[in-house]
Structure formats: structure tokens, C-alpha cells
Amino acid sequence: MMKIEDMKRRKKELGYTNADVAERSGVPLGTVQKVFSGATPNPRVDTMEALEMALKEPIPNVHSYNLETLGREVREEFAAYNEDPSYDEKGIYKVEAQVVNSWNHAESSERWQHQGQYTIEDCYAMPDDTRVELIDGVIYDMSSPSVVHQFFVGELFFQFKTCIRENKKPCEVFTAPFGVGLDLNDKTLVQPDVSVVCDSNLDFDAKYYNGIPELVVEVLSPSTRSKDCTIKLQKYMMAGVKEYWIVDPKYKRVLIYLFEEDVLPTQYSFDDTVPIGISGGKCSIDFKAINKNLDRWNR
């Protein structure tokens, strides 16, 4: 994690004001001012993570890496191959590999040179092994999830699915990578860890769901904690998601936002049975049982 002095230096490089950092991170302006002035010498970990993420936003600049140029080389190789059947087909694969390798080893600022301008079409044009989310035209890398992260996603999927089937609700449960176009435009495509969709017009042949899930769950990890607790929290609330769960394996807690009732969350521990708000009291998730299963594997 970046130290405060490093953050100050990065903030100066980017030309950000305290207000800019507050807007990008979701941290209150007063807190940002106290952190950078030294009035708060030991900020909370989640505050520091949110600030670090805001300061890691790429600088719009001209870089040596250019995916368009490499893509043109691929097309030229194919053209040469089509004109001459004896052309060495390995040449095509070599350039294709160059595109993917250059993408995978590029810095984030080299990959995302036009932040704020990207569309869903750009996301689907990326290399197959590159996972990203798009929020308001800004692309965010998604690292590979950990075993613990996937354990919780699997357990939650099973319990949500069981609830829906037992109560014969007209809903479906999906796990990432399941694209959700929250804003019903081409500027946002998120991949919630778990989504509960209750939509009679759900198109199973579509590339992604262009609508608003009833409930969304994000399982926190070191690389997504800041985004899930700030940027995506606000995005889900403004888009009209009814219920948002933040599951935190590190601190063994669950935050439940019922946006139609209150903007403040209710906090539960991993010893609790957590009610599913949209079920009207008919269903709940037994986190004590989930945690017990996890402890069984950790022995």
C-alpha cells in the first residue's frame, strides 16, 4: 500500500486538488484534507485503500504502446496470407501473440489511454484472457479471484438459488463473469460476484444483461475492496439496485444496504443468519454455516 508521502507526490504529479481526490475516491473531503495535512496520522485501512485507488488512475497521455497499430499488423498478416496460400501461417500467430503479450505486459496507463470514453464494445474487443469492468466510460482491470473469494461466491450462489427454488420465485442467480449494463447505455458494464435478476424479459441469448438486478453481492478482495465500497456502492445505489451486500472475508463481516429503506448499512458478523431483504423475510443466508465450512478446509 502507498504511504501518505507517496500519495502526496502522486497527487502533485496528477495535478489533483483535495476535492478531486475526494470525488474520485468517495472519501469525504474533510477526511482527505486531514490525511494529507497530517491531522490524521493513522488513517483507517479502507480510507487509505480508497485514496490509493483514486491516485492510481492513469494519466491521459501518449504512450509507446498502441493496440491499434498491433491490430493493423495482424490484419496485414492475414491479407498477405489470403493473397498467397503458401504464406507461412505462423506469421499470423506470431503477430497475434504479440498483440496479447503486449497487452498483458503493458502498464495500466498504457492500456487505458482514453479513460471516460470507452464503451461496452471496447470491452468485448479486448483479448479473451483480459477481465475488465466499465463504469461511466472508465475501464478497471479485474485480477484473478482468490480461492477464498470463489469459495464465498459458490456458497452464496447455492443458498440464494435454494431460496428462489424453494419459494418458486421468478428470479435467476448469476455469478461473475456475468455482465450487467446497469445504466442501460454503452458506458457501464459491471460484473457483480453474485446477481439476483427478477426480470420476465431476461434474454438468455444476450451477451450481457442490460438491466437492473434486484440484489447484488460483492465479495471483497485486496484488489477490489476500494472500488466495491465506494465507486460501485454509489453506482448500484444510483442505478436502482434494491439490495447490495458487501461480504468481507478479511474482517468476517457483512454489510447490507437496503437502498429503498435507508442509505446506511446494517452490519452482521459471520456468526449471524442474515435475512434477504427482497425475500420479504422468507429467506436468509447462514453465514455461521459458511464460516464453519471454511474453517473445516483451513484445519
C-alpha atoms as a PDB file:
ATOM      1  CA  MET A   1       0.000   0.000   0.000  1.00  0.00           C
ATOM      2  CA  MET A   2       1.211   3.518  -0.795  1.00  0.00           C
ATOM      3  CA  LYS A   3       2.458   5.631   2.094  1.00  0.00           C
ATOM      4  CA  ILE A   4       0.998   9.085   2.690  1.00  0.00           C
ATOM      5  CA  GLU A   5       4.141  10.784   1.370  1.00  0.00           C
ATOM      6  CA  ASP A   6       3.924   8.711  -1.814  1.00  0.00           C
ATOM      7  CA  MET A   7       0.284   9.704  -2.171  1.00  0.00           C
ATOM      8  CA  LYS A   8       1.165  13.376  -1.801  1.00  0.00           C
ATOM      9  CA  ARG A   9       3.797  13.029  -4.501  1.00  0.00           C
ATOM     10  CA  ARG A  10       1.404  11.198  -6.816  1.00  0.00           C
ATOM     11  CA  LYS A  11      -1.333  13.761  -6.159  1.00  0.00           C
ATOM     12  CA  LYS A  12       1.050  16.536  -7.193  1.00  0.00           C
ATOM     13  CA  GLU A  13       2.079  14.642 -10.354  1.00  0.00           C
ATOM     14  CA  LEU A  14      -1.560  14.281 -11.378  1.00  0.00           C
ATOM     15  CA  GLY A  15      -2.347  17.882 -10.545  1.00  0.00           C
ATOM     16  CA  TYR A  16      -5.254  16.829  -8.345  1.00  0.00           C
ATOM     17  CA  THR A  17      -6.777  19.004  -5.650  1.00  0.00           C
ATOM     18  CA  ASN A  18      -8.112  17.520  -2.418  1.00  0.00           C
ATOM     19  CA  ALA A  19     -11.595  17.895  -3.910  1.00  0.00           C
ATOM     20  CA  ASP A  20     -10.528  15.882  -6.968  1.00  0.00           C
ATOM     21  CA  VAL A  21      -9.225  13.074  -4.760  1.00  0.00           C
ATOM     22  CA  ALA A  22     -12.407  13.113  -2.671  1.00  0.00           C
ATOM     23  CA  GLU A  23     -14.603  12.874  -5.770  1.00  0.00           C
ATOM     24  CA  ARG A  24     -12.591  10.024  -7.304  1.00  0.00           C
ATOM     25  CA  SER A  25     -12.196   8.019  -4.095  1.00  0.00           C
ATOM     26  CA  GLY A  26     -15.556   8.541  -2.428  1.00  0.00           C
ATOM     27  CA  VAL A  27     -13.733   9.632   0.772  1.00  0.00           C
ATOM     28  CA  PRO A  28     -15.272  12.766   2.368  1.00  0.00           C
ATOM     29  CA  LEU A  29     -13.368  15.958   1.545  1.00  0.00           C
ATOM     30  CA  GLY A  30     -12.766  16.716   5.231  1.00  0.00           C
ATOM     31  CA  THR A  31     -11.143  13.307   5.707  1.00  0.00           C
ATOM     32  CA  VAL A  32      -8.941  13.798   2.629  1.00  0.00           C
ATOM     33  CA  GLN A  33      -7.782  17.169   3.941  1.00  0.00           C
ATOM     34  CA  LYS A  34      -6.933  15.710   7.344  1.00  0.00           C
ATOM     35  CA  VAL A  35      -4.973  12.808   5.815  1.00  0.00           C
ATOM     36  CA  PHE A  36      -2.827  14.981   3.555  1.00  0.00           C
ATOM     37  CA  SER A  37      -2.306  17.690   6.178  1.00  0.00           C
ATOM     38  CA  GLY A  38      -1.142  15.166   8.756  1.00  0.00           C
ATOM     39  CA  ALA A  39      -4.031  15.916  11.131  1.00  0.00           C
ATOM     40  CA  THR A  40      -4.950  12.229  10.897  1.00  0.00           C
ATOM     41  CA  PRO A  41      -1.583  10.433  11.182  1.00  0.00           C
ATOM     42  CA  ASN A  42      -3.048   6.909  11.174  1.00  0.00           C
ATOM     43  CA  PRO A  43      -5.983   6.766   8.747  1.00  0.00           C
ATOM     44  CA  ARG A  44      -8.165   3.679   8.513  1.00  0.00           C
ATOM     45  CA  VAL A  45      -7.034   0.950   6.119  1.00  0.00           C
ATOM     46  CA  ASP A  46     -10.133   1.236   3.924  1.00  0.00           C
ATOM     47  CA  THR A  47      -9.618   5.005   3.669  1.00  0.00           C
ATOM     48  CA  MET A  48      -6.028   4.533   2.536  1.00  0.00           C
ATOM     49  CA  GLU A  49      -7.069   1.881   0.015  1.00  0.00           C
ATOM     50  CA  ALA A  50      -9.712   4.192  -1.457  1.00  0.00           C
ATOM     51  CA  LEU A  51      -7.222   7.071  -1.742  1.00  0.00           C
ATOM     52  CA  GLU A  52      -4.615   4.817  -3.315  1.00  0.00           C
ATOM     53  CA  MET A  53      -7.062   3.614  -5.928  1.00  0.00           C
ATOM     54  CA  ALA A  54      -8.040   7.179  -6.825  1.00  0.00           C
ATOM     55  CA  LEU A  55      -4.393   8.152  -7.215  1.00  0.00           C
ATOM     56  CA  LYS A  56      -3.662   5.172  -9.427  1.00  0.00           C
ATOM     57  CA  GLU A  57      -5.993   6.444 -12.133  1.00  0.00           C
ATOM     58  CA  PRO A  58      -3.967   6.537 -15.362  1.00  0.00           C
ATOM     59  CA  ILE A  59      -2.743   9.817 -16.795  1.00  0.00           C
ATOM     60  CA  PRO A  60      -4.223  10.513 -20.246  1.00  0.00           C
ATOM     61  CA  ASN A  61      -1.069  10.734 -22.301  1.00  0.00           C
ATOM     62  CA  VAL A  62       0.643   9.434 -25.393  1.00  0.00           C
ATOM     63  CA  HIS A  63       2.492   6.165 -24.779  1.00  0.00           C
ATOM     64  CA  SER A  64       4.607   3.892 -26.915  1.00  0.00           C
ATOM     65  CA  TYR A  65       2.120   1.026 -26.557  1.00  0.00           C
ATOM     66  CA  ASN A  66      -0.519   1.202 -29.278  1.00  0.00           C
ATOM     67  CA  LEU A  67      -3.023  -1.636 -29.607  1.00  0.00           C
ATOM     68  CA  GLU A  68      -4.431  -0.172 -32.831  1.00  0.00           C
ATOM     69  CA  THR A  69      -1.033  -0.392 -34.535  1.00  0.00           C
ATOM     70  CA  LEU A  70      -0.568  -4.002 -33.478  1.00  0.00           C
ATOM     71  CA  GLY A  71      -4.077  -4.823 -34.633  1.00  0.00           C
ATOM     72  CA  ARG A  72      -3.284  -3.366 -38.043  1.00  0.00           C
ATOM     73  CA  GLU A  73      -0.230  -5.611 -38.252  1.00  0.00           C
ATOM     74  CA  VAL A  74      -2.456  -8.626 -37.635  1.00  0.00           C
ATOM     75  CA  ARG A  75      -4.805  -7.575 -40.428  1.00  0.00           C
ATOM     76  CA  GLU A  76      -1.845  -7.062 -42.788  1.00  0.00           C
ATOM     77  CA  GLU A  77      -0.576 -10.551 -41.987  1.00  0.00           C
ATOM     78  CA  PHE A  78      -3.999 -12.019 -42.798  1.00  0.00           C
ATOM     79  CA  ALA A  79      -4.124 -10.058 -46.068  1.00  0.00           C
ATOM     80  CA  ALA A  80      -0.720 -11.454 -47.081  1.00  0.00           C
ATOM     81  CA  TYR A  81      -1.878 -14.952 -46.211  1.00  0.00           C
ATOM     82  CA  ASN A  82      -5.075 -14.632 -48.264  1.00  0.00           C
ATOM     83  CA  GLU A  83      -3.150 -13.413 -51.307  1.00  0.00           C
ATOM     84  CA  ASP A  84      -0.569 -16.183 -51.138  1.00  0.00           C
ATOM     85  CA  PRO A  85      -1.705 -19.661 -49.940  1.00  0.00           C
ATOM     86  CA  SER A  86       1.939 -20.673 -49.471  1.00  0.00           C
ATOM     87  CA  TYR A  87       2.429 -17.868 -46.923  1.00  0.00           C
ATOM     88  CA  ASP A  88       3.780 -19.100 -43.590  1.00  0.00           C
ATOM     89  CA  GLU A  89       0.708 -19.176 -41.323  1.00  0.00           C
ATOM     90  CA  LYS A  90       2.974 -18.982 -38.273  1.00  0.00           C
ATOM     91  CA  GLY A  91       3.487 -15.332 -39.114  1.00  0.00           C
ATOM     92  CA  ILE A  92      -0.146 -14.644 -38.279  1.00  0.00           C
ATOM     93  CA  TYR A  93       0.021 -16.416 -34.952  1.00  0.00           C
ATOM     94  CA  LYS A  94       3.257 -14.629 -34.110  1.00  0.00           C
ATOM     95  CA  VAL A  95       1.707 -11.196 -34.533  1.00  0.00           C
ATOM     96  CA  GLU A  96      -1.482 -12.236 -32.744  1.00  0.00           C
ATOM     97  CA  ALA A  97       0.641 -13.406 -29.817  1.00  0.00           C
ATOM     98  CA  GLN A  98       2.483 -10.082 -29.923  1.00  0.00           C
ATOM     99  CA  VAL A  99      -0.825  -8.236 -29.502  1.00  0.00           C
ATOM    100  CA  VAL A 100      -1.858 -10.320 -26.493  1.00  0.00           C
ATOM    101  CA  ASN A 101       1.578 -10.274 -24.846  1.00  0.00           C
ATOM    102  CA  SER A 102       1.936  -6.527 -25.322  1.00  0.00           C
ATOM    103  CA  TRP A 103      -1.489  -6.045 -23.770  1.00  0.00           C
ATOM    104  CA  ASN A 104      -0.755  -8.283 -20.785  1.00  0.00           C
ATOM    105  CA  HIS A 105       2.582  -6.628 -20.008  1.00  0.00           C
ATOM    106  CA  ALA A 106       1.515  -3.020 -20.598  1.00  0.00           C
ATOM    107  CA  GLU A 107       1.115  -0.626 -17.674  1.00  0.00           C
ATOM    108  CA  SER A 108      -2.479   0.368 -16.898  1.00  0.00           C
ATOM    109  CA  SER A 109      -1.790   3.876 -18.175  1.00  0.00           C
ATOM    110  CA  GLU A 110      -0.677   2.360 -21.478  1.00  0.00           C
ATOM    111  CA  ARG A 111      -3.716   0.141 -21.777  1.00  0.00           C
ATOM    112  CA  TRP A 112      -6.332   2.723 -20.904  1.00  0.00           C
ATOM    113  CA  GLN A 113      -5.344   5.906 -22.744  1.00  0.00           C
ATOM    114  CA  HIS A 114      -8.872   7.219 -23.221  1.00  0.00           C
ATOM    115  CA  GLN A 115     -10.465   6.802 -19.803  1.00  0.00           C
ATOM    116  CA  GLY A 116     -14.019   8.106 -19.689  1.00  0.00           C
ATOM    117  CA  GLN A 117     -14.532   7.441 -23.406  1.00  0.00           C
ATOM    118  CA  TYR A 118     -14.677   3.642 -23.541  1.00  0.00           C
ATOM    119  CA  THR A 119     -17.817   1.689 -24.425  1.00  0.00           C
ATOM    120  CA  ILE A 120     -19.113  -1.850 -23.934  1.00  0.00           C
ATOM    121  CA  GLU A 121     -17.998  -2.611 -27.473  1.00  0.00           C
ATOM    122  CA  ASP A 122     -14.407  -1.764 -26.454  1.00  0.00           C
ATOM    123  CA  CYS A 123     -14.648  -4.265 -23.589  1.00  0.00           C
ATOM    124  CA  TYR A 124     -15.653  -7.088 -25.906  1.00  0.00           C
ATOM    125  CA  ALA A 125     -12.857  -6.170 -28.343  1.00  0.00           C
ATOM    126  CA  MET A 126     -10.146  -6.891 -25.762  1.00  0.00           C
ATOM    127  CA  PRO A 127      -8.070 -10.094 -25.550  1.00  0.00           C
ATOM    128  CA  ASP A 128     -10.094 -13.066 -24.320  1.00  0.00           C
ATOM    129  CA  ASP A 129      -7.997 -13.516 -21.181  1.00  0.00           C
ATOM    130  CA  THR A 130      -8.451  -9.897 -20.063  1.00  0.00           C
ATOM    131  CA  ARG A 131     -11.210  -9.301 -17.491  1.00  0.00           C
ATOM    132  CA  VAL A 132     -12.379  -5.730 -17.012  1.00  0.00           C
ATOM    133  CA  GLU A 133     -15.304  -3.698 -15.755  1.00  0.00           C
ATOM    134  CA  LEU A 134     -16.560  -0.494 -17.355  1.00  0.00           C
ATOM    135  CA  ILE A 135     -18.024   2.270 -15.180  1.00  0.00           C
ATOM    136  CA  ASP A 136     -19.026   5.563 -16.772  1.00  0.00           C
ATOM    137  CA  GLY A 137     -16.625   5.014 -19.657  1.00  0.00           C
ATOM    138  CA  VAL A 138     -13.688   4.184 -17.356  1.00  0.00           C
ATOM    139  CA  ILE A 139     -12.121   0.724 -17.585  1.00  0.00           C
ATOM    140  CA  TYR A 140     -10.957  -1.119 -14.464  1.00  0.00           C
ATOM    141  CA  ASP A 141      -8.738  -4.205 -14.543  1.00  0.00           C
ATOM    142  CA  MET A 142     -10.049  -7.258 -12.695  1.00  0.00           C
ATOM    143  CA  SER A 143      -7.422  -9.539 -11.208  1.00  0.00           C
ATOM    144  CA  SER A 144      -7.934 -13.285 -10.841  1.00  0.00           C
ATOM    145  CA  PRO A 145     -10.003 -14.082  -7.723  1.00  0.00           C
ATOM    146  CA  SER A 146      -8.517 -15.996  -4.804  1.00  0.00           C
ATOM    147  CA  VAL A 147      -9.665 -19.417  -3.603  1.00  0.00           C
ATOM    148  CA  VAL A 148     -11.358 -17.883  -0.540  1.00  0.00           C
ATOM    149  CA  HIS A 149     -13.157 -15.364  -2.744  1.00  0.00           C
ATOM    150  CA  GLN A 150     -14.521 -18.092  -5.007  1.00  0.00           C
ATOM    151  CA  PHE A 151     -15.469 -20.238  -2.007  1.00  0.00           C
ATOM    152  CA  PHE A 152     -17.770 -17.496  -0.723  1.00  0.00           C
ATOM    153  CA  VAL A 153     -19.209 -16.820  -4.180  1.00  0.00           C
ATOM    154  CA  GLY A 154     -20.037 -20.514  -4.565  1.00  0.00           C
ATOM    155  CA  GLU A 155     -21.624 -20.806  -1.122  1.00  0.00           C
ATOM    156  CA  LEU A 156     -23.725 -17.676  -1.622  1.00  0.00           C
ATOM    157  CA  PHE A 157     -24.846 -18.750  -5.082  1.00  0.00           C
ATOM    158  CA  PHE A 158     -26.024 -22.090  -3.694  1.00  0.00           C
ATOM    159  CA  GLN A 159     -28.002 -20.552  -0.823  1.00  0.00           C
ATOM    160  CA  PHE A 160     -29.597 -17.828  -2.954  1.00  0.00           C
ATOM    161  CA  LYS A 161     -30.522 -20.384  -5.619  1.00  0.00           C
ATOM    162  CA  THR A 162     -32.011 -22.706  -2.978  1.00  0.00           C
ATOM    163  CA  CYS A 163     -34.124 -19.858  -1.590  1.00  0.00           C
ATOM    164  CA  ILE A 164     -35.504 -18.974  -5.026  1.00  0.00           C
ATOM    165  CA  ARG A 165     -36.379 -22.563  -5.908  1.00  0.00           C
ATOM    166  CA  GLU A 166     -37.978 -23.363  -2.566  1.00  0.00           C
ATOM    167  CA  ASN A 167     -40.176 -20.256  -2.784  1.00  0.00           C
ATOM    168  CA  LYS A 168     -40.780 -20.599  -6.532  1.00  0.00           C
ATOM    169  CA  LYS A 169     -39.743 -17.029  -7.233  1.00  0.00           C
ATOM    170  CA  PRO A 170     -39.443 -15.853 -10.879  1.00  0.00           C
ATOM    171  CA  CYS A 171     -35.779 -14.961 -10.450  1.00  0.00           C
ATOM    172  CA  GLU A 172     -32.371 -16.246 -11.508  1.00  0.00           C
ATOM    173  CA  VAL A 173     -28.990 -16.135  -9.773  1.00  0.00           C
ATOM    174  CA  PHE A 174     -25.791 -15.437 -11.706  1.00  0.00           C
ATOM    175  CA  THR A 175     -22.113 -15.266 -10.789  1.00  0.00           C
ATOM    176  CA  ALA A 176     -19.235 -13.393 -12.424  1.00  0.00           C
ATOM    177  CA  PRO A 177     -18.245 -13.143 -15.158  1.00  0.00           C
ATOM    178  CA  PHE A 178     -21.854 -12.120 -15.799  1.00  0.00           C
ATOM    179  CA  GLY A 179     -22.026  -8.695 -17.400  1.00  0.00           C
ATOM    180  CA  VAL A 180     -24.620  -6.208 -16.195  1.00  0.00           C
ATOM    181  CA  GLY A 181     -25.295  -2.988 -18.113  1.00  0.00           C
ATOM    182  CA  LEU A 182     -26.626  -1.052 -15.135  1.00  0.00           C
ATOM    183  CA  ASP A 183     -27.168   2.319 -16.794  1.00  0.00           C
ATOM    184  CA  LEU A 184     -28.884   0.894 -19.891  1.00  0.00           C
ATOM    185  CA  ASN A 185     -26.294   2.647 -22.048  1.00  0.00           C
ATOM    186  CA  ASP A 186     -22.937   1.717 -23.580  1.00  0.00           C
ATOM    187  CA  LYS A 187     -20.758   3.298 -20.877  1.00  0.00           C
ATOM    188  CA  THR A 188     -21.181   0.863 -17.973  1.00  0.00           C
ATOM    189  CA  LEU A 189     -20.752  -2.912 -17.782  1.00  0.00           C
ATOM    190  CA  VAL A 190     -20.052  -4.385 -14.337  1.00  0.00           C
ATOM    191  CA  GLN A 191     -19.536  -7.989 -13.247  1.00  0.00           C
ATOM    192  CA  PRO A 192     -21.021  -8.453  -9.748  1.00  0.00           C
ATOM    193  CA  ASP A 193     -19.842 -11.531  -7.871  1.00  0.00           C
ATOM    194  CA  VAL A 194     -23.468 -12.600  -7.403  1.00  0.00           C
ATOM    195  CA  SER A 195     -26.553 -11.101  -9.059  1.00  0.00           C
ATOM    196  CA  VAL A 196     -30.212 -11.881  -8.440  1.00  0.00           C
ATOM    197  CA  VAL A 197     -32.259 -10.934 -11.505  1.00  0.00           C
ATOM    198  CA  CYS A 198     -36.078 -10.959 -11.418  1.00  0.00           C
ATOM    199  CA  ASP A 199     -36.957  -9.939 -14.962  1.00  0.00           C
ATOM    200  CA  SER A 200     -39.604 -11.676 -17.067  1.00  0.00           C
ATOM    201  CA  ASN A 201     -37.890 -10.313 -20.194  1.00  0.00           C
ATOM    202  CA  LEU A 202     -34.483 -11.814 -19.376  1.00  0.00           C
ATOM    203  CA  ASP A 203     -32.762 -12.741 -22.642  1.00  0.00           C
ATOM    204  CA  PHE A 204     -30.617 -15.852 -22.214  1.00  0.00           C
ATOM    205  CA  ASP A 205     -29.070 -15.388 -25.653  1.00  0.00           C
ATOM    206  CA  ALA A 206     -27.722 -11.900 -24.935  1.00  0.00           C
ATOM    207  CA  LYS A 207     -24.032 -11.219 -24.286  1.00  0.00           C
ATOM    208  CA  TYR A 208     -24.895  -9.416 -21.062  1.00  0.00           C
ATOM    209  CA  TYR A 209     -27.916  -8.375 -19.011  1.00  0.00           C
ATOM    210  CA  ASN A 210     -28.978  -4.841 -19.892  1.00  0.00           C
ATOM    211  CA  GLY A 211     -30.994  -4.091 -16.783  1.00  0.00           C
ATOM    212  CA  ILE A 212     -31.023  -3.683 -13.016  1.00  0.00           C
ATOM    213  CA  PRO A 213     -30.636  -6.730 -10.706  1.00  0.00           C
ATOM    214  CA  GLU A 214     -32.835  -6.844  -7.626  1.00  0.00           C
ATOM    215  CA  LEU A 215     -29.870  -7.768  -5.452  1.00  0.00           C
ATOM    216  CA  VAL A 216     -26.105  -7.640  -5.920  1.00  0.00           C
ATOM    217  CA  VAL A 217     -23.315  -9.197  -3.823  1.00  0.00           C
ATOM    218  CA  GLU A 218     -19.642  -8.257  -3.923  1.00  0.00           C
ATOM    219  CA  VAL A 219     -17.081 -10.355  -2.019  1.00  0.00           C
ATOM    220  CA  LEU A 220     -14.195  -8.072  -1.083  1.00  0.00           C
ATOM    221  CA  SER A 221     -10.603  -8.819  -2.032  1.00  0.00           C
ATOM    222  CA  PRO A 222      -7.482  -6.643  -1.654  1.00  0.00           C
ATOM    223  CA  SER A 223      -7.659  -5.505  -5.284  1.00  0.00           C
ATOM    224  CA  THR A 224     -11.397  -4.696  -5.309  1.00  0.00           C
ATOM    225  CA  ARG A 225     -12.090  -3.504  -1.759  1.00  0.00           C
ATOM    226  CA  SER A 226     -11.890   0.219  -2.514  1.00  0.00           C
ATOM    227  CA  LYS A 227     -13.922   0.051  -5.722  1.00  0.00           C
ATOM    228  CA  ASP A 228     -16.640  -2.165  -4.215  1.00  0.00           C
ATOM    229  CA  CYS A 229     -17.027   0.053  -1.146  1.00  0.00           C
ATOM    230  CA  THR A 230     -17.049   3.403  -2.947  1.00  0.00           C
ATOM    231  CA  ILE A 231     -17.480   3.580  -6.717  1.00  0.00           C
ATOM    232  CA  LYS A 232     -19.671   0.500  -7.137  1.00  0.00           C
ATOM    233  CA  LEU A 233     -21.646   1.242  -3.977  1.00  0.00           C
ATOM    234  CA  GLN A 234     -22.667   4.589  -5.422  1.00  0.00           C
ATOM    235  CA  LYS A 235     -23.257   3.131  -8.878  1.00  0.00           C
ATOM    236  CA  TYR A 236     -25.563   0.375  -7.584  1.00  0.00           C
ATOM    237  CA  MET A 237     -27.494   2.837  -5.430  1.00  0.00           C
ATOM    238  CA  MET A 238     -27.987   5.379  -8.229  1.00  0.00           C
ATOM    239  CA  ALA A 239     -28.881   2.699 -10.805  1.00  0.00           C
ATOM    240  CA  GLY A 240     -31.783   1.396  -8.726  1.00  0.00           C
ATOM    241  CA  VAL A 241     -30.473  -1.870  -7.250  1.00  0.00           C
ATOM    242  CA  LYS A 242     -32.740  -2.615  -4.286  1.00  0.00           C
ATOM    243  CA  GLU A 243     -30.264  -4.521  -2.115  1.00  0.00           C
ATOM    244  CA  TYR A 244     -26.451  -4.553  -2.005  1.00  0.00           C
ATOM    245  CA  TRP A 245     -24.380  -6.978   0.055  1.00  0.00           C
ATOM    246  CA  ILE A 246     -20.688  -6.416   0.791  1.00  0.00           C
ATOM    247  CA  VAL A 247     -19.100  -9.602   2.143  1.00  0.00           C
ATOM    248  CA  ASP A 248     -15.734  -9.050   3.826  1.00  0.00           C
ATOM    249  CA  PRO A 249     -13.805 -12.311   4.434  1.00  0.00           C
ATOM    250  CA  LYS A 250     -10.864 -10.420   5.941  1.00  0.00           C
ATOM    251  CA  TYR A 251     -12.830  -8.917   8.841  1.00  0.00           C
ATOM    252  CA  LYS A 252     -15.616 -11.542   8.803  1.00  0.00           C
ATOM    253  CA  ARG A 253     -18.464  -9.109   8.395  1.00  0.00           C
ATOM    254  CA  VAL A 254     -21.365  -8.450   6.039  1.00  0.00           C
ATOM    255  CA  LEU A 255     -22.775  -5.022   5.209  1.00  0.00           C
ATOM    256  CA  ILE A 256     -26.326  -4.946   3.854  1.00  0.00           C
ATOM    257  CA  TYR A 257     -27.660  -1.870   2.058  1.00  0.00           C
ATOM    258  CA  LEU A 258     -31.426  -1.723   1.525  1.00  0.00           C
ATOM    259  CA  PHE A 259     -31.463   1.353  -0.682  1.00  0.00           C
ATOM    260  CA  GLU A 260     -35.241   1.718  -0.727  1.00  0.00           C
ATOM    261  CA  GLU A 261     -35.301   1.948   3.073  1.00  0.00           C
ATOM    262  CA  ASP A 262     -32.038   3.601   4.139  1.00  0.00           C
ATOM    263  CA  VAL A 263     -28.683   4.666   2.709  1.00  0.00           C
ATOM    264  CA  LEU A 264     -26.918   3.405   5.839  1.00  0.00           C
ATOM    265  CA  PRO A 265     -25.958  -0.282   6.012  1.00  0.00           C
ATOM    266  CA  THR A 266     -26.786  -2.925   8.596  1.00  0.00           C
ATOM    267  CA  GLN A 267     -23.710  -4.844   9.737  1.00  0.00           C
ATOM    268  CA  TYR A 268     -23.634  -8.567  10.512  1.00  0.00           C
ATOM    269  CA  SER A 269     -20.853 -10.939  11.552  1.00  0.00           C
ATOM    270  CA  PHE A 270     -20.026 -14.393  10.235  1.00  0.00           C
ATOM    271  CA  ASP A 271     -21.809 -15.802  13.291  1.00  0.00           C
ATOM    272  CA  ASP A 272     -25.155 -14.433  12.115  1.00  0.00           C
ATOM    273  CA  THR A 273     -28.003 -15.581   9.929  1.00  0.00           C
ATOM    274  CA  VAL A 274     -28.537 -12.706   7.523  1.00  0.00           C
ATOM    275  CA  PRO A 275     -32.048 -12.046   6.162  1.00  0.00           C
ATOM    276  CA  ILE A 276     -32.533 -11.443   2.452  1.00  0.00           C
ATOM    277  CA  GLY A 277     -34.463  -8.192   2.268  1.00  0.00           C
ATOM    278  CA  ILE A 278     -36.097  -8.719  -1.122  1.00  0.00           C
ATOM    279  CA  SER A 279     -37.486 -12.087   0.036  1.00  0.00           C
ATOM    280  CA  GLY A 280     -39.828 -10.379   2.491  1.00  0.00           C
ATOM    281  CA  GLY A 281     -38.458 -12.384   5.404  1.00  0.00           C
ATOM    282  CA  LYS A 282     -38.841 -15.781   3.708  1.00  0.00           C
ATOM    283  CA  CYS A 283     -35.122 -16.432   3.183  1.00  0.00           C
ATOM    284  CA  SER A 284     -31.802 -15.858   4.900  1.00  0.00           C
ATOM    285  CA  ILE A 285     -28.143 -16.772   4.473  1.00  0.00           C
ATOM    286  CA  ASP A 286     -26.483 -18.788   7.238  1.00  0.00           C
ATOM    287  CA  PHE A 287     -23.001 -17.271   7.430  1.00  0.00           C
ATOM    288  CA  LYS A 288     -22.168 -19.306  10.506  1.00  0.00           C
ATOM    289  CA  ALA A 289     -22.513 -22.475   8.421  1.00  0.00           C
ATOM    290  CA  ILE A 290     -20.445 -20.939   5.595  1.00  0.00           C
ATOM    291  CA  ASN A 291     -17.707 -19.942   8.018  1.00  0.00           C
ATOM    292  CA  LYS A 292     -17.780 -23.425   9.570  1.00  0.00           C
ATOM    293  CA  ASN A 293     -17.239 -24.970   6.125  1.00  0.00           C
ATOM    294  CA  LEU A 294     -14.321 -22.619   5.534  1.00  0.00           C
ATOM    295  CA  ASP A 295     -12.750 -23.484   8.898  1.00  0.00           C
ATOM    296  CA  ARG A 296     -13.076 -27.154   8.032  1.00  0.00           C
ATOM    297  CA  TRP A 297     -10.878 -26.642   4.977  1.00  0.00           C
ATOM    298  CA  ASN A 298      -8.385 -24.490   6.889  1.00  0.00           C
ATOM    299  CA  ARG A 299      -7.662 -27.155   9.505  1.00  0.00           C
END
